[in-house]
Amino acid sequence: MSGSLRLFHFVIFGIWLVLLSCGGASWAQQARSTAVIDPPPMGWSSWNSFSNTVDSHVVMEEARALISTGLHAAGYKYVNIDEGWWLGQRDAEGNIVVDPEAWPALAPGEHAGDMSNIVRFIHGLGLKAGIYTDAGANGCSMYPDLGPKYFHTGSEGHYDQDFLQFAKWGFDYVKVDWCGGDKENLDPAVQYAEIAQAIQRAEAITGHRMFFSICEWGKNSPWTWAPNVGGISADIWRTSGDIVAPVVANAKHAGRKAQFSKAIGNFEQGQHPEAQHTGYENDLDMMVIGMPGLDERQDRAHMAMWSVSGAPLILGADLTKLNQETLAILMNRAVLAIDQDPLGLPAVKVAQPGKGLEAWSKRLAEPGARAMLLLNRTESAEPITVKWDDLGLASSSGVGVEVTDVWTGKKLPASSNSYSATVQPQDAALVLVHGRNRAMTAYSSGDAEQGVPVTNAVPVRFNHVTSQYRMAAIRIRYRNAADAPAYAELHVNHQVVTRIGFPPTGGGVRAVWVQAMLSTTKPNTVSFSATTWSARAPKIVSLAVQ
């Protein structure tokens, strides 16, 4: 669905109810007052394992495997058809022409070469269907991984036509690559804004929503412009290159293998916590869990990194070949709950006790809860220690801090003010921490009942904002009486930090959470102004900062 802040699906609803039932009155109260946002998407994409050999048979087999393995029941729902589905041909009216042999009729009454056939098959399994194009006139098929070059596989010059066609075919997700745009030296902020508007028009015509995925590889810092681009927002944006070139069976590149070091590199490049919030995510690329090259320990660490990042969980492995150990990693409920946490924030680095040793903390919706990743990039086993204060938690003076191994569910020993664990080389430990939040400092907009409306002429400004944390957690209470999201730019010390989507609140007040870089040595000015693209803006009631 589009950046209109899609209605949350049944997976996150289930997590939300479980958390509500377990957390007591304060947890329930915070849950009711926090805006409902969508979690990162979960599913499968054809590129890593099938490159441009994808066809109807491949997609049907993988879709069936998503069901039979139990992955769909765990929350994986998208079946995304990547590059290679289209050979660049159009008819006299400019409509996309599809190879009828690769995409045949699948049921009586259907016509070969109609992509709505495969969409109906995917939907018939209770899954959602994704499609792929490029922002340029040419697509990535001009750089073939296998087979001949195909030109004109991009949508430039046909944005309205193509995205309307995708919606009419029934696709629920569209990934837009940048090979053609890059070759033409186009401005991605301009092109993707035009695409966002074309998606918006297609949705208005058909009433069918499409999730919008930007695949610009992080080359032009999409996290700075993708939120609220073209009047909506990209739902996700790539922050780095591919983890692995396709590993295709029985082909010239069958010997390719995924490298764990590349997964760590994408994790590092993907951390732009100021941009990820309210249902919009940094995309670290399709996961390579279960592909040749990674062992079970590395698969587990890979899953842990994506989970604390709050990243999209899009599988790239051949689902028909996954073993039970790999499936157990991909379907671990505690790990999935971290990724899908309804607060919508990614982890931030909170400690670096030595070269190659890092601690990352992800604030969770449950008060006082954190998911903590201890990452060892070195070649030897090393201890990593983190203080509770680094996580924004109070040291336990009479109040215990509980630490749990996410993978095993076992309780782990911790001191009154810190936690320490020895992490194996090129590995990561993932734990849940439950403690008591340090107090936040509240700042009122001056009209706490109705809130101050955000405009370009008179931004809503909070002066003398302080924090002891360089990357501060900020809770924004607001009103939005419209039936669609409102948007505003967040500025820190007069610099634009990000654009924020504010879901509808009805007649009440709700809160969204963001993270922003603040000075810890002098007071900050935090302000909100209207965005270039959006006609709707929220009314800001107050801030709370830690």
Protein backbone atom coordinates (compact mmCIF):
# COMPACT_ATOMS: atom_id res chain seq x y z
CA MET A 1 0.00 0.00 0.00
CA SER A 2 1.05 3.61 -0.41
CA GLY A 3 2.55 6.01 2.09
CA SER A 4 -0.99 6.93 3.14
CA LEU A 5 -0.01 4.97 6.26
CA ARG A 6 -1.70 1.72 5.49
CA LEU A 7 -4.07 0.04 7.97
CA PHE A 8 -2.07 -2.38 10.07
CA HIS A 9 -2.48 -6.04 9.12
CA PHE A 10 -3.39 -9.00 11.26
CA VAL A 11 0.17 -9.84 12.30
CA ILE A 12 0.83 -6.57 14.05
CA PHE A 13 -2.70 -6.59 15.45
CA GLY A 14 -1.96 -9.91 17.11
CA ILE A 15 1.34 -8.67 18.54
CA TRP A 16 -0.40 -5.50 19.78
CA LEU A 17 -3.08 -7.47 21.63
CA VAL A 18 -0.57 -9.82 23.23
CA LEU A 19 1.53 -6.91 24.47
CA LEU A 20 -1.55 -5.12 25.77
CA SER A 21 -2.64 -8.16 27.73
CA CYS A 22 0.75 -8.55 29.43
CA GLY A 23 1.87 -5.07 30.35
CA GLY A 24 -0.42 -3.65 33.03
CA ALA A 25 -2.29 -0.38 33.17
CA SER A 26 0.56 1.95 32.17
CA TRP A 27 1.35 -0.18 29.12
CA ALA A 28 -2.30 -0.28 28.09
CA GLN A 29 -2.60 3.47 28.55
CA GLN A 30 0.47 4.16 26.42
CA ALA A 31 -0.78 1.76 23.73
CA ARG A 32 -4.11 3.55 23.49
CA SER A 33 -2.42 6.95 23.23
CA THR A 34 0.15 5.96 20.59
CA ALA A 35 -0.76 6.23 16.91
CA VAL A 36 -1.28 2.95 15.07
CA ILE A 37 1.34 2.53 12.34
CA ASP A 38 2.15 -0.27 9.94
CA PRO A 39 5.07 -2.60 10.61
CA PRO A 40 7.81 -3.39 8.06
CA PRO A 41 6.71 -5.67 5.21
CA MET A 42 7.49 -9.38 5.29
CA GLY A 43 7.65 -11.62 2.25
CA TRP A 44 9.76 -13.05 -0.57
CA SER A 45 11.36 -11.66 -3.73
CA SER A 46 12.53 -13.54 -6.82
CA TRP A 47 15.80 -11.71 -7.57
CA ASN A 48 18.40 -13.32 -5.29
CA SER A 49 17.67 -16.89 -6.36
CA PHE A 50 16.18 -16.55 -9.84
CA SER A 51 17.56 -13.34 -11.35
CA ASN A 52 15.95 -12.67 -14.74
CA THR A 53 14.85 -16.31 -15.15
CA VAL A 54 11.68 -15.58 -13.17
CA ASP A 55 8.42 -16.79 -14.71
CA SER A 56 4.96 -17.96 -13.71
CA HIS A 57 6.14 -21.45 -12.73
CA VAL A 58 8.82 -20.09 -10.38
CA VAL A 59 6.42 -17.67 -8.72
CA MET A 60 3.74 -20.33 -8.21
CA GLU A 61 6.21 -22.75 -6.61
CA GLU A 62 7.59 -20.12 -4.26
CA ALA A 63 4.12 -18.88 -3.33
CA ARG A 64 3.05 -22.43 -2.46
CA ALA A 65 6.22 -22.85 -0.39
CA LEU A 66 5.45 -19.67 1.54
CA ILE A 67 2.28 -21.46 2.69
CA SER A 68 3.59 -25.00 3.17
CA THR A 69 6.64 -23.97 5.21
CA GLY A 70 4.54 -22.01 7.69
CA LEU A 71 6.20 -18.71 6.72
CA HIS A 72 2.89 -17.13 5.79
CA ALA A 73 1.38 -18.09 9.14
CA ALA A 74 4.37 -16.37 10.79
CA GLY A 75 3.61 -13.12 8.95
CA TYR A 76 5.39 -13.32 5.58
CA LYS A 77 2.78 -12.35 3.01
CA TYR A 78 4.28 -10.64 -0.05
CA VAL A 79 5.31 -12.55 -3.18
CA ASN A 80 7.35 -10.02 -5.17
CA ILE A 81 8.18 -10.54 -8.84
CA ASP A 82 11.48 -8.77 -9.45
CA GLU A 83 13.44 -7.80 -12.58
CA GLY A 84 13.16 -10.12 -15.59
CA TRP A 85 9.37 -10.45 -15.79
CA TRP A 86 9.14 -7.99 -18.71
CA LEU A 87 11.22 -7.82 -21.91
CA GLY A 88 10.62 -4.16 -22.70
CA GLN A 89 7.97 -4.48 -25.40
CA ARG A 90 4.95 -2.15 -25.68
CA ASP A 91 1.98 -2.10 -28.07
CA ALA A 92 0.98 0.81 -30.31
CA GLU A 93 -0.72 2.56 -27.37
CA GLY A 94 2.35 2.19 -25.16
CA ASN A 95 0.91 -0.58 -22.98
CA ILE A 96 3.27 -3.20 -21.56
CA VAL A 97 3.31 -6.44 -23.57
CA VAL A 98 4.12 -9.58 -21.57
CA ASP A 99 5.58 -12.84 -22.91
CA PRO A 100 2.59 -15.24 -23.01
CA GLU A 101 4.85 -18.31 -22.65
CA ALA A 102 6.46 -17.06 -19.45
CA TRP A 103 3.12 -15.86 -18.06
CA PRO A 104 0.41 -18.22 -19.39
CA ALA A 105 -3.24 -18.55 -18.50
CA LEU A 106 -3.58 -20.40 -15.19
CA ALA A 107 -7.33 -20.99 -15.10
CA PRO A 108 -10.22 -21.29 -17.57
CA GLY A 109 -11.24 -17.96 -19.06
CA GLU A 110 -7.84 -16.34 -18.59
CA HIS A 111 -5.63 -15.04 -21.41
CA ALA A 112 -1.91 -15.74 -21.71
CA GLY A 113 0.33 -12.71 -21.27
CA ASP A 114 -1.96 -11.10 -18.69
CA MET A 115 -0.20 -10.48 -15.35
CA SER A 116 -3.53 -10.43 -13.54
CA ASN A 117 -3.43 -14.24 -13.90
CA ILE A 118 -0.51 -14.64 -11.51
CA VAL A 119 -1.98 -12.01 -9.19
CA ARG A 120 -5.20 -14.01 -8.90
CA PHE A 121 -3.17 -17.13 -8.13
CA ILE A 122 -1.19 -15.37 -5.39
CA HIS A 123 -4.30 -13.76 -3.91
CA GLY A 124 -6.04 -17.12 -4.01
CA LEU A 125 -3.45 -18.43 -1.54
CA GLY A 126 -4.18 -15.55 0.83
CA LEU A 127 -0.95 -13.75 -0.13
CA LYS A 128 -0.15 -10.34 -1.63
CA ALA A 129 1.55 -9.74 -4.97
CA GLY A 130 4.42 -7.41 -5.82
CA ILE A 131 5.79 -6.16 -9.16
CA TYR A 132 8.93 -4.35 -10.31
CA THR A 133 9.96 -1.57 -12.69
CA ASP A 134 12.63 1.11 -13.09
CA ALA A 135 12.40 4.90 -12.81
CA GLY A 136 14.37 5.32 -16.04
CA ALA A 137 13.52 4.54 -19.66
CA ASN A 138 15.72 1.46 -19.42
CA GLY A 139 15.81 -0.90 -16.50
CA CYS A 140 18.39 -3.19 -14.97
CA SER A 141 17.83 -5.71 -17.79
CA MET A 142 20.29 -3.66 -19.83
CA TYR A 143 22.89 -5.13 -17.42
CA PRO A 144 21.79 -8.77 -17.61
CA ASP A 145 22.86 -11.24 -14.99
CA LEU A 146 21.85 -14.05 -17.33
CA GLY A 147 20.77 -14.15 -20.97
CA PRO A 148 20.58 -11.27 -23.48
CA LYS A 149 20.19 -7.57 -22.79
CA TYR A 150 16.68 -6.14 -22.79
CA PHE A 151 16.16 -2.42 -23.20
CA HIS A 152 13.12 -0.20 -22.55
CA THR A 153 12.12 -2.13 -19.43
CA GLY A 154 11.78 1.07 -17.38
CA SER A 155 8.69 3.23 -16.88
CA GLU A 156 10.04 6.72 -17.64
CA GLY A 157 7.61 8.47 -19.97
CA HIS A 158 4.88 6.00 -18.97
CA TYR A 159 4.54 6.57 -15.21
CA ASP A 160 0.79 7.15 -15.19
CA GLN A 161 0.18 4.39 -17.71
CA ASP A 162 2.33 1.75 -16.02
CA PHE A 163 1.34 2.32 -12.40
CA LEU A 164 -2.32 2.40 -13.39
CA GLN A 165 -1.73 -0.93 -15.17
CA PHE A 166 -0.07 -2.40 -12.07
CA ALA A 167 -3.05 -1.34 -9.97
CA LYS A 168 -5.53 -2.75 -12.51
CA TRP A 169 -3.65 -6.03 -12.57
CA GLY A 170 -4.15 -6.09 -8.82
CA PHE A 171 -0.57 -5.78 -7.55
CA ASP A 172 -0.28 -4.73 -3.92
CA TYR A 173 3.40 -3.73 -3.90
CA VAL A 174 5.62 -2.01 -6.44
CA LYS A 175 9.42 -1.82 -6.30
CA VAL A 176 11.01 0.90 -8.43
CA ASP A 177 14.69 0.45 -9.30
CA TRP A 178 17.25 3.06 -10.43
CA CYS A 179 19.44 1.49 -13.15
CA GLY A 180 17.92 3.58 -15.93
CA GLY A 181 17.64 6.71 -13.84
CA ASP A 182 21.27 6.38 -12.79
CA LYS A 183 22.49 5.92 -16.38
CA GLU A 184 20.57 9.04 -17.46
CA ASN A 185 21.86 11.08 -14.48
CA LEU A 186 18.31 11.87 -13.45
CA ASP A 187 17.45 13.48 -10.12
CA PRO A 188 15.95 10.69 -7.98
CA ALA A 189 14.04 13.08 -5.71
CA VAL A 190 12.29 14.47 -8.81
CA GLN A 191 11.68 11.15 -10.54
CA TYR A 192 10.41 9.35 -7.47
CA ALA A 193 8.15 12.29 -6.65
CA GLU A 194 6.59 11.95 -10.10
CA ILE A 195 6.23 8.22 -9.51
CA ALA A 196 4.61 8.80 -6.11
CA GLN A 197 2.07 11.10 -7.75
CA ALA A 198 1.40 8.53 -10.49
CA ILE A 199 0.81 5.88 -7.81
CA GLN A 200 -1.52 8.24 -5.99
CA ARG A 201 -3.53 8.85 -9.17
CA ALA A 202 -3.67 5.11 -9.96
CA GLU A 203 -4.96 4.43 -6.45
CA ALA A 204 -7.61 7.13 -6.80
CA ILE A 205 -8.82 5.68 -10.12
CA THR A 206 -8.87 2.03 -9.08
CA GLY A 207 -9.37 2.24 -5.32
CA HIS A 208 -6.50 -0.26 -5.03
CA ARG A 209 -3.58 0.57 -2.72
CA MET A 210 0.03 -0.23 -3.60
CA PHE A 211 2.99 -0.41 -1.22
CA PHE A 212 5.77 1.83 -2.61
CA SER A 213 9.39 0.59 -2.43
CA ILE A 214 12.22 2.81 -3.67
CA CYS A 215 15.35 0.92 -4.77
CA GLU A 216 17.86 3.73 -5.33
CA TRP A 217 20.60 1.87 -3.38
CA GLY A 218 21.24 4.83 -1.06
CA LYS A 219 23.35 6.56 -3.72
CA ASN A 220 21.60 9.91 -3.30
CA SER A 221 20.62 9.65 0.39
CA PRO A 222 16.93 8.75 -0.10
CA TRP A 223 16.34 8.86 3.66
CA THR A 224 16.56 12.66 3.35
CA TRP A 225 13.84 13.01 0.69
CA ALA A 226 11.83 9.78 0.42
CA PRO A 227 9.51 10.53 3.38
CA ASN A 228 6.61 12.55 1.94
CA VAL A 229 7.93 12.59 -1.60
CA GLY A 230 5.38 13.60 -4.21
CA GLY A 231 2.65 14.21 -1.65
CA ILE A 232 2.64 10.73 -0.12
CA SER A 233 5.67 8.83 1.10
CA ALA A 234 7.78 5.95 0.01
CA ASP A 235 7.00 3.16 2.44
CA ILE A 236 10.59 1.88 2.30
CA TRP A 237 13.80 2.99 0.61
CA ARG A 238 17.00 1.09 -0.06
CA THR A 239 20.04 2.37 1.82
CA SER A 240 22.80 0.33 0.15
CA GLY A 241 23.66 -1.96 -2.74
CA ASP A 242 22.77 -5.63 -3.09
CA ILE A 243 24.09 -8.00 -0.43
CA VAL A 244 24.65 -10.68 -3.05
CA ALA A 245 24.45 -11.00 -6.80
CA PRO A 246 21.87 -13.65 -7.76
CA VAL A 247 22.70 -17.27 -7.00
CA VAL A 248 20.89 -19.18 -9.75
CA ALA A 249 20.87 -22.97 -9.87
CA ASN A 250 22.08 -24.65 -13.07
CA ALA A 251 23.44 -21.41 -14.47
CA LYS A 252 26.84 -19.83 -15.04
CA HIS A 253 26.73 -18.07 -11.64
CA ALA A 254 25.64 -21.07 -9.57
CA GLY A 255 28.93 -20.94 -7.66
CA ARG A 256 28.19 -17.52 -6.18
CA LYS A 257 27.80 -17.37 -2.41
CA ALA A 258 26.51 -14.82 0.05
CA GLN A 259 29.07 -13.24 2.37
CA PHE A 260 28.33 -12.46 5.98
CA SER A 261 30.66 -9.45 5.84
CA LYS A 262 28.41 -7.94 3.16
CA ALA A 263 25.35 -8.41 5.36
CA ILE A 264 27.17 -6.59 8.18
CA GLY A 265 28.10 -3.84 5.71
CA ASN A 266 24.48 -3.36 4.67
CA PHE A 267 23.44 -3.29 8.32
CA GLU A 268 25.95 -0.52 8.99
CA GLN A 269 25.00 1.51 5.90
CA GLY A 270 21.30 1.16 6.66
CA GLN A 271 21.29 2.97 9.98
CA HIS A 272 19.61 6.33 9.49
CA PRO A 273 17.42 6.32 12.59
CA GLU A 274 16.25 9.91 12.18
CA ALA A 275 14.39 8.95 8.98
CA GLN A 276 12.69 5.75 10.18
CA HIS A 277 9.42 6.24 12.01
CA THR A 278 5.61 6.17 11.71
CA GLY A 279 5.59 3.24 9.29
CA TYR A 280 8.44 4.27 6.94
CA GLU A 281 11.59 2.16 6.96
CA ASN A 282 15.17 2.03 5.79
CA ASP A 283 15.50 -1.02 3.54
CA LEU A 284 18.74 -2.94 4.10
CA ASP A 285 18.05 -5.19 1.05
CA MET A 286 16.58 -8.65 0.70
CA MET A 287 17.89 -11.07 3.29
CA VAL A 288 20.26 -13.87 2.27
CA ILE A 289 19.33 -16.22 5.12
CA GLY A 290 19.19 -19.79 3.84
CA MET A 291 21.34 -19.05 0.78
CA PRO A 292 24.72 -20.69 0.04
CA GLY A 293 27.61 -19.05 1.89
CA LEU A 294 26.15 -18.47 5.37
CA ASP A 295 26.09 -21.03 8.15
CA GLU A 296 23.38 -21.31 10.80
CA ARG A 297 25.20 -19.01 13.25
CA GLN A 298 25.59 -16.31 10.60
CA ASP A 299 21.97 -16.70 9.52
CA ARG A 300 20.93 -16.10 13.13
CA ALA A 301 23.12 -12.99 13.43
CA HIS A 302 21.80 -11.70 10.08
CA MET A 303 18.23 -12.10 11.30
CA ALA A 304 19.08 -10.34 14.56
CA MET A 305 20.58 -7.33 12.74
CA TRP A 306 17.54 -6.92 10.47
CA SER A 307 15.20 -7.35 13.42
CA VAL A 308 16.68 -4.61 15.61
CA SER A 309 16.86 -2.36 12.53
CA GLY A 310 13.11 -2.69 12.11
CA ALA A 311 13.93 -3.50 8.49
CA PRO A 312 11.68 -5.11 5.87
CA LEU A 313 11.99 -8.88 6.11
CA ILE A 314 12.02 -9.88 2.44
CA LEU A 315 13.49 -13.33 1.81
CA GLY A 316 15.72 -13.97 -1.18
CA ALA A 317 16.38 -17.68 -0.78
CA ASP A 318 14.66 -20.42 -2.76
CA LEU A 319 11.87 -21.25 -0.30
CA THR A 320 11.52 -24.78 -1.61
CA LYS A 321 15.03 -25.60 -0.33
CA LEU A 322 14.96 -24.19 3.21
CA ASN A 323 15.75 -26.63 6.02
CA GLN A 324 14.05 -26.72 9.41
CA GLU A 325 16.90 -24.91 11.17
CA THR A 326 16.64 -21.98 8.76
CA LEU A 327 12.86 -21.89 9.03
CA ALA A 328 13.12 -21.82 12.82
CA ILE A 329 15.33 -18.72 12.56
CA LEU A 330 12.97 -16.99 10.15
CA MET A 331 9.88 -17.79 12.22
CA ASN A 332 11.14 -17.14 15.75
CA ARG A 333 8.22 -15.24 17.27
CA ALA A 334 10.28 -13.16 19.68
CA VAL A 335 12.61 -11.99 16.91
CA LEU A 336 9.71 -11.15 14.59
CA ALA A 337 8.00 -9.20 17.36
CA ILE A 338 11.11 -7.02 17.72
CA ASP A 339 11.13 -6.24 14.00
CA GLN A 340 7.37 -5.64 13.90
CA ASP A 341 7.20 -3.64 17.15
CA PRO A 342 4.40 -1.04 16.91
CA LEU A 343 6.53 1.89 18.11
CA GLY A 344 8.23 1.77 14.70
CA LEU A 345 11.74 2.84 15.74
CA PRO A 346 15.07 1.29 14.66
CA ALA A 347 18.04 0.51 16.87
CA VAL A 348 20.73 3.10 17.58
CA LYS A 349 24.34 2.46 18.54
CA VAL A 350 24.62 3.09 22.28
CA ALA A 351 28.12 1.83 23.08
CA GLN A 352 31.36 0.91 21.35
CA PRO A 353 33.59 -0.55 24.08
CA GLY A 354 36.37 -1.48 21.66
CA LYS A 355 37.32 -1.59 18.00
CA GLY A 356 34.85 -3.83 16.19
CA LEU A 357 32.66 -4.20 19.29
CA GLU A 358 29.23 -2.53 19.24
CA ALA A 359 26.02 -2.41 21.24
CA TRP A 360 22.75 -1.40 19.57
CA SER A 361 19.48 -0.68 21.37
CA LYS A 362 15.97 -0.64 19.90
CA ARG A 363 13.31 1.09 21.99
CA LEU A 364 10.13 -1.01 22.07
CA ALA A 365 6.52 -0.05 22.62
CA GLU A 366 6.34 -1.66 26.05
CA PRO A 367 7.60 0.92 28.59
CA GLY A 368 11.11 0.09 29.78
CA ALA A 369 11.62 -2.57 27.11
CA ARG A 370 14.62 -2.66 24.76
CA ALA A 371 15.93 -5.12 22.21
CA MET A 372 19.73 -5.09 22.46
CA LEU A 373 22.17 -6.38 19.84
CA LEU A 374 25.79 -7.02 20.83
CA LEU A 375 27.85 -7.23 17.63
CA ASN A 376 31.43 -8.56 17.46
CA ARG A 377 33.12 -7.72 14.15
CA THR A 378 36.53 -8.97 15.30
CA GLU A 379 38.20 -12.33 14.77
CA SER A 380 38.23 -13.37 18.43
CA ALA A 381 35.66 -13.85 21.17
CA GLU A 382 35.31 -10.61 23.13
CA PRO A 383 33.26 -9.33 26.09
CA ILE A 384 30.84 -6.46 25.47
CA THR A 385 29.45 -4.48 28.39
CA VAL A 386 26.54 -2.04 28.26
CA LYS A 387 25.32 0.21 31.05
CA TRP A 388 21.60 0.57 31.64
CA ASP A 389 22.04 4.34 31.39
CA ASP A 390 23.25 3.85 27.78
CA LEU A 391 19.82 2.35 27.01
CA GLY A 392 17.87 5.17 28.67
CA LEU A 393 17.01 2.91 31.60
CA ALA A 394 17.36 3.73 35.27
CA SER A 395 19.97 1.79 37.20
CA SER A 396 18.15 -0.62 39.49
CA SER A 397 18.07 0.81 42.98
CA GLY A 398 15.60 -1.71 44.32
CA VAL A 399 14.06 -2.24 40.87
CA GLY A 400 15.35 -5.26 38.96
CA VAL A 401 16.35 -5.22 35.30
CA GLU A 402 15.51 -8.47 33.55
CA VAL A 403 17.56 -9.77 30.60
CA THR A 404 16.34 -12.60 28.34
CA ASP A 405 18.10 -14.41 25.50
CA VAL A 406 15.76 -13.86 22.56
CA TRP A 407 16.61 -17.13 20.80
CA THR A 408 16.33 -19.47 23.79
CA GLY A 409 14.00 -17.55 26.10
CA LYS A 410 16.39 -18.12 29.01
CA LYS A 411 16.89 -15.48 31.70
CA LEU A 412 20.44 -14.12 31.85
CA PRO A 413 22.37 -12.70 34.80
CA ALA A 414 22.89 -8.93 34.93
CA SER A 415 24.27 -6.46 37.46
CA SER A 416 22.41 -3.52 38.99
CA ASN A 417 23.78 -1.07 36.44
CA SER A 418 24.98 -3.05 33.41
CA TYR A 419 24.97 -6.21 31.34
CA SER A 420 28.00 -8.02 29.93
CA ALA A 421 28.33 -10.96 27.57
CA THR A 422 31.13 -12.62 25.63
CA VAL A 423 30.27 -12.64 21.92
CA GLN A 424 31.90 -15.01 19.46
CA PRO A 425 33.89 -13.62 16.50
CA GLN A 426 31.84 -12.34 13.56
CA ASP A 427 28.69 -12.99 15.55
CA ALA A 428 25.91 -11.17 17.39
CA ALA A 429 23.98 -11.73 20.60
CA LEU A 430 20.35 -10.62 20.82
CA VAL A 431 18.67 -10.02 24.19
CA LEU A 432 15.51 -8.43 25.52
CA VAL A 433 15.89 -6.01 28.42
CA HIS A 434 13.02 -5.04 30.71
CA GLY A 435 13.65 -2.24 33.17
CA ARG A 436 12.41 1.23 34.07
CA ASN A 437 12.69 4.17 31.68
CA ARG A 438 14.62 7.20 32.77
CA ALA A 439 12.38 10.23 33.01
CA MET A 440 11.61 12.23 29.88
CA THR A 441 11.49 16.04 29.84
CA ALA A 442 8.16 17.46 28.62
CA TYR A 443 7.78 20.61 26.52
CA SER A 444 4.36 22.14 25.83
CA SER A 445 3.42 24.00 22.64
CA GLY A 446 1.45 26.50 24.72
CA ASP A 447 -1.99 25.21 23.79
CA ALA A 448 -2.14 21.70 25.15
CA GLU A 449 -5.89 21.34 24.56
CA GLN A 450 -6.07 21.88 20.81
CA GLY A 451 -2.45 22.00 19.75
CA VAL A 452 -0.69 24.58 17.60
CA PRO A 453 -1.19 24.15 13.83
CA VAL A 454 1.96 23.60 11.81
CA THR A 455 2.51 26.08 8.96
CA ASN A 456 5.42 27.33 6.87
CA ALA A 457 4.77 30.92 7.92
CA VAL A 458 4.72 30.21 11.66
CA PRO A 459 6.47 26.95 12.54
CA VAL A 460 5.74 25.32 15.88
CA ARG A 461 8.92 25.84 17.87
CA PHE A 462 10.25 24.40 21.14
CA ASN A 463 13.26 26.23 22.56
CA HIS A 464 15.79 25.15 25.18
CA VAL A 465 15.30 21.43 24.51
CA THR A 466 17.94 19.34 26.25
CA SER A 467 19.00 15.71 26.23
CA GLN A 468 21.88 13.73 27.62
CA TYR A 469 21.70 11.43 24.59
CA ARG A 470 23.19 12.41 21.24
CA MET A 471 20.47 10.42 19.44
CA ALA A 472 17.46 11.44 21.49
CA ALA A 473 14.09 9.69 21.64
CA ILE A 474 11.26 12.17 21.05
CA ARG A 475 7.56 11.54 21.68
CA ILE A 476 5.32 13.96 19.77
CA ARG A 477 1.71 14.37 20.92
CA TYR A 478 -0.54 15.81 18.21
CA ARG A 479 -3.99 16.09 16.70
CA ASN A 480 -5.02 15.24 13.14
CA ALA A 481 -8.78 15.39 12.65
CA ALA A 482 -8.55 14.52 8.93
CA ASP A 483 -9.17 11.02 7.58
CA ALA A 484 -5.70 10.85 6.00
CA PRO A 485 -2.16 11.37 7.31
CA ALA A 486 -0.83 14.85 7.87
CA TYR A 487 2.84 15.66 7.36
CA ALA A 488 5.38 18.02 8.86
CA GLU A 489 9.10 18.63 8.64
CA LEU A 490 11.10 18.22 11.82
CA HIS A 491 13.93 20.72 12.28
CA VAL A 492 16.66 20.58 14.91
CA ASN A 493 18.59 23.81 15.37
CA HIS A 494 17.04 25.11 12.13
CA GLN A 495 18.24 22.15 10.06
CA VAL A 496 15.76 19.78 8.40
CA VAL A 497 16.06 16.35 10.02
CA THR A 498 13.18 14.42 8.50
CA ARG A 499 9.56 14.53 7.37
CA ILE A 500 7.07 12.84 9.65
CA GLY A 501 3.70 11.28 8.88
CA PHE A 502 1.00 11.85 11.50
CA PRO A 503 -1.85 9.30 11.25
CA PRO A 504 -5.43 10.44 11.87
CA THR A 505 -6.42 10.80 15.52
CA GLY A 506 -10.16 11.35 15.21
CA GLY A 507 -11.16 13.77 17.93
CA GLY A 508 -8.39 12.83 20.33
CA VAL A 509 -4.68 13.25 20.87
CA ARG A 510 -2.18 10.58 19.84
CA ALA A 511 1.60 10.27 19.88
CA VAL A 512 4.27 9.25 17.40
CA TRP A 513 7.91 8.59 18.23
CA VAL A 514 10.99 9.71 16.33
CA GLN A 515 14.72 9.85 17.01
CA ALA A 516 16.85 12.90 16.27
CA MET A 517 20.42 14.05 16.77
CA LEU A 518 20.56 16.70 19.50
CA SER A 519 23.42 18.58 21.08
CA THR A 520 24.21 17.30 24.56
CA THR A 521 26.28 20.35 25.51
CA LYS A 522 23.85 23.21 24.80
CA PRO A 523 20.08 23.74 24.48
CA ASN A 524 18.44 22.84 21.18
CA THR A 525 15.64 24.34 19.14
CA VAL A 526 13.18 21.75 17.84
CA SER A 527 10.54 22.97 15.41
CA PHE A 528 7.94 21.73 12.93
CA SER A 529 6.89 23.31 9.64
CA ALA A 530 4.65 22.29 6.75
CA THR A 531 6.15 20.18 3.96
CA THR A 532 6.43 21.18 0.33
CA TRP A 533 4.16 18.40 -0.89
CA SER A 534 1.42 18.08 1.68
CA ALA A 535 -1.64 20.31 2.07
CA ARG A 536 -2.41 18.73 5.44
CA ALA A 537 -0.44 19.44 8.60
CA PRO A 538 -0.95 18.29 12.20
CA LYS A 539 -1.53 20.31 15.34
CA ILE A 540 1.37 19.77 17.71
CA VAL A 541 0.43 19.53 21.38
CA SER A 542 3.68 18.70 23.17
CA LEU A 543 7.06 16.99 23.09
CA ALA A 544 8.76 14.69 25.53
CA VAL A 545 12.49 14.10 25.11
CA GLN A 546 14.94 11.62 26.60
